[in-house]
Amino acid sequence: MSRAYTGIDGADNTVPGIVVIRRDGTIAFRRISTEKDDRLDSAQLLAILDRTLGTSGTSASAGYAAIDRMQLGIETSGAFAEDARAFGASARFVFPLTRFGFVGLRAGYSTSSTVDTSLVAGLRLPLLNDTAAIQLTAIGGLAKTTPYGAGQLGLWLAWTPTWSVHLDAGITTVPALTVTFGVSRLISWR
């Protein structure tokens, strides 16, 4: 098997490597390791398996890392100004543009503005083999008929390949300090 999938060297010895084969017989991933430094550690191998094969159920057919999946979630937030407090709940949809960026929509209700809708765009720095990220998010939208904006810095973490949480803190144009906590279902889209 090794000769067929990874090859042989000049001394007719098989070359070490890793080959992931799908059930239909196609090769999903191949890594030939001619040097010791070329070999993958277990965390890298698990990330590759998740990205190429998925984990189970419907996500297995697409097989992308958690950071590459769409997010459909709910979140709760609080805004704390010098003379007022507001709390709200929102539904949000986030679409990954790359590992490092995303865009999305958010609609919700808050105690200060009834219904608000907003656009979300952000940059992120992936961590822990793409299962976590530090995010910088810009939010702009309408609360009632009044435009508003916010900037947030936060942490995103996928606790499984199909569920994530995020915690963000920032400032709005009012000005007010904001804190947001959310839970999202990660959905394969490609």
Protein backbone atom coordinates (compact mmCIF):
# COMPACT_ATOMS: atom_id res chain seq x y z
CA MET A 1 0.00 0.00 0.00
CA SER A 2 2.79 2.38 0.91
CA ARG A 3 4.54 1.80 -2.42
CA ALA A 4 1.30 2.51 -4.30
CA TYR A 5 0.34 5.70 -2.44
CA THR A 6 3.57 7.36 -1.20
CA GLY A 7 6.29 5.82 -3.40
CA ILE A 8 9.79 4.47 -2.91
CA ASP A 9 13.19 6.10 -2.49
CA GLY A 10 16.44 5.36 -4.37
CA ALA A 11 17.23 2.40 -2.09
CA ASP A 12 13.86 0.74 -2.89
CA ASN A 13 12.46 1.60 0.57
CA THR A 14 8.97 2.96 0.96
CA VAL A 15 8.69 6.67 1.70
CA PRO A 16 6.76 7.57 4.88
CA GLY A 17 3.62 9.61 4.43
CA ILE A 18 -0.03 10.04 5.17
CA VAL A 19 -2.80 9.41 2.65
CA VAL A 20 -6.48 10.00 3.43
CA ILE A 21 -8.81 8.12 1.09
CA ARG A 22 -12.54 8.82 0.87
CA ARG A 23 -15.04 5.96 0.83
CA ASP A 24 -15.46 6.38 -2.93
CA GLY A 25 -11.73 5.66 -3.40
CA THR A 26 -10.59 9.20 -4.24
CA ILE A 27 -7.63 10.68 -2.42
CA ALA A 28 -8.72 13.51 -0.13
CA PHE A 29 -5.23 14.35 1.18
CA ARG A 30 -1.66 13.17 0.60
CA ARG A 31 1.46 14.27 2.49
CA ILE A 32 4.79 12.60 1.74
CA SER A 33 7.40 13.06 4.47
CA THR A 34 10.91 12.53 3.17
CA GLU A 35 12.42 14.41 6.12
CA LYS A 36 11.59 14.09 9.81
CA ASP A 37 10.64 17.81 9.91
CA ASP A 38 8.01 17.20 7.18
CA ARG A 39 5.91 14.99 9.45
CA LEU A 40 2.64 16.25 10.92
CA ASP A 41 1.91 16.27 14.63
CA SER A 42 -1.41 14.88 15.87
CA ALA A 43 -3.12 18.30 16.14
CA GLN A 44 -2.20 19.15 12.54
CA LEU A 45 -3.41 15.75 11.35
CA LEU A 46 -6.75 16.10 13.16
CA ALA A 47 -7.26 19.58 11.65
CA ILE A 48 -6.56 18.17 8.18
CA LEU A 49 -8.95 15.27 8.72
CA ASP A 50 -11.69 17.67 9.82
CA ARG A 51 -11.05 19.99 6.88
CA THR A 52 -10.96 17.21 4.29
CA LEU A 53 -13.52 14.73 5.63
CA GLY A 54 -15.61 16.64 8.17
CA THR A 55 -16.67 14.96 11.38
CA SER A 56 -20.06 13.27 11.00
CA GLY A 57 -23.52 13.71 9.58
CA THR A 58 -24.14 16.44 7.02
CA SER A 59 -20.88 18.27 7.81
CA ALA A 60 -18.88 15.23 6.68
CA SER A 61 -19.78 15.76 3.03
CA ALA A 62 -18.34 19.29 2.91
CA GLY A 63 -15.55 18.85 5.44
CA TYR A 64 -14.26 22.34 6.21
CA ALA A 65 -12.58 23.63 9.33
CA ALA A 66 -14.79 25.37 11.89
CA ILE A 67 -13.43 28.81 10.99
CA ASP A 68 -14.43 28.31 7.33
CA ARG A 69 -18.09 27.61 8.13
CA MET A 70 -21.08 29.96 8.09
CA GLN A 71 -22.47 30.93 11.47
CA LEU A 72 -26.16 31.14 12.27
CA GLY A 73 -26.61 32.21 15.84
CA ILE A 74 -28.19 34.17 18.64
CA GLU A 75 -26.54 36.69 20.91
CA THR A 76 -27.32 38.86 23.85
CA SER A 77 -25.74 42.23 24.50
CA GLY A 78 -25.62 45.08 26.93
CA ALA A 79 -24.77 48.73 26.32
CA PHE A 80 -23.61 50.77 29.28
CA ALA A 81 -23.55 54.58 28.95
CA GLU A 82 -22.99 57.11 31.71
CA ASP A 83 -26.71 57.77 32.18
CA ALA A 84 -28.44 54.75 30.59
CA ARG A 85 -28.37 50.99 30.19
CA ALA A 86 -29.76 48.91 27.33
CA PHE A 87 -29.97 45.15 26.88
CA GLY A 88 -30.91 43.23 23.79
CA ALA A 89 -31.05 39.99 21.89
CA SER A 90 -30.22 39.44 18.23
CA ALA A 91 -30.10 36.78 15.56
CA ARG A 92 -27.04 36.91 13.36
CA PHE A 93 -25.76 35.35 10.18
CA VAL A 94 -22.01 35.50 9.49
CA PHE A 95 -20.40 34.42 6.23
CA PRO A 96 -16.62 33.77 6.10
CA LEU A 97 -14.82 35.53 3.24
CA THR A 98 -11.45 33.99 4.15
CA ARG A 99 -9.87 32.58 7.29
CA PHE A 100 -9.11 36.20 8.18
CA GLY A 101 -12.35 38.02 7.37
CA PHE A 102 -16.13 37.79 7.51
CA VAL A 103 -19.31 39.73 6.77
CA GLY A 104 -22.81 39.28 8.07
CA LEU A 105 -26.24 40.55 9.06
CA ARG A 106 -27.73 41.03 12.49
CA ALA A 107 -31.32 41.79 13.50
CA GLY A 108 -32.62 42.11 17.01
CA TYR A 109 -34.42 43.91 19.75
CA SER A 110 -33.06 46.09 22.52
CA THR A 111 -34.69 47.86 25.45
CA SER A 112 -33.59 51.26 24.16
CA SER A 113 -34.40 51.08 20.48
CA THR A 114 -37.00 48.36 19.89
CA VAL A 115 -35.92 46.72 16.60
CA ASP A 116 -32.49 47.24 15.07
CA THR A 117 -30.80 45.83 11.98
CA SER A 118 -27.12 46.02 11.18
CA LEU A 119 -24.34 44.91 8.90
CA VAL A 120 -21.33 43.22 10.45
CA ALA A 121 -17.82 43.02 9.00
CA GLY A 122 -14.67 41.85 10.71
CA LEU A 123 -11.10 40.74 10.67
CA ARG A 124 -9.82 37.83 12.69
CA LEU A 125 -6.58 36.22 13.72
CA PRO A 126 -7.03 32.42 13.77
CA LEU A 127 -5.65 30.51 16.77
CA LEU A 128 -5.48 26.89 17.98
CA ASN A 129 -5.55 25.22 14.54
CA ASP A 130 -8.49 27.37 13.35
CA THR A 131 -10.74 26.49 16.30
CA ALA A 132 -10.45 29.95 17.88
CA ALA A 133 -9.80 33.51 16.76
CA ILE A 134 -9.31 37.02 18.04
CA GLN A 135 -11.83 39.21 16.18
CA LEU A 136 -12.07 42.91 15.40
CA THR A 137 -15.65 43.65 14.32
CA ALA A 138 -17.28 46.76 12.83
CA ILE A 139 -21.06 47.08 13.14
CA GLY A 140 -23.26 49.63 11.41
CA GLY A 141 -27.01 49.86 11.15
CA LEU A 142 -30.30 51.43 12.12
CA ALA A 143 -32.00 51.47 15.51
CA LYS A 144 -35.56 52.63 14.85
CA THR A 145 -34.59 55.18 12.18
CA THR A 146 -31.37 56.39 13.80
CA PRO A 147 -28.04 55.25 12.32
CA TYR A 148 -25.44 53.87 14.71
CA GLY A 149 -22.05 52.22 14.63
CA ALA A 150 -19.89 50.15 16.94
CA GLY A 151 -16.47 48.61 17.06
CA GLN A 152 -15.76 45.46 19.07
CA LEU A 153 -12.78 43.33 19.97
CA GLY A 154 -13.48 39.78 21.03
CA LEU A 155 -12.72 36.10 21.18
CA TRP A 156 -14.42 33.43 19.03
CA LEU A 157 -14.15 29.74 19.96
CA ALA A 158 -15.52 26.62 18.25
CA TRP A 159 -16.07 24.07 21.01
CA THR A 160 -17.03 21.46 18.37
CA PRO A 161 -16.79 21.54 14.55
CA THR A 162 -20.48 22.53 14.48
CA TRP A 163 -20.93 24.94 17.45
CA SER A 164 -19.15 28.11 18.50
CA VAL A 165 -19.34 30.89 21.08
CA HIS A 166 -18.09 34.45 21.00
CA LEU A 167 -17.54 37.18 23.57
CA ASP A 168 -16.94 40.76 22.43
CA ALA A 169 -16.49 44.13 24.09
CA GLY A 170 -16.43 47.50 22.36
CA ILE A 171 -17.70 51.03 22.08
CA THR A 172 -20.60 52.58 20.15
CA THR A 173 -21.06 55.97 18.54
CA VAL A 174 -23.42 57.03 21.38
CA PRO A 175 -20.80 56.60 23.26
CA ALA A 176 -21.43 53.51 25.30
CA LEU A 177 -19.49 50.43 26.30
CA THR A 178 -20.93 47.23 24.80
CA VAL A 179 -20.56 43.59 25.79
CA THR A 180 -21.91 40.79 23.58
CA PHE A 181 -22.12 37.03 24.11
CA GLY A 182 -23.35 34.68 21.38
CA VAL A 183 -23.77 31.03 20.41
CA SER A 184 -23.72 29.93 16.76
CA ARG A 185 -24.38 26.82 14.74
CA LEU A 186 -21.55 26.30 12.23
CA ILE A 187 -22.81 25.28 8.80
CA SER A 188 -20.75 23.89 5.91
CA TRP A 189 -21.53 25.82 2.74
CA ARG A 190 -19.17 24.72 -0.05
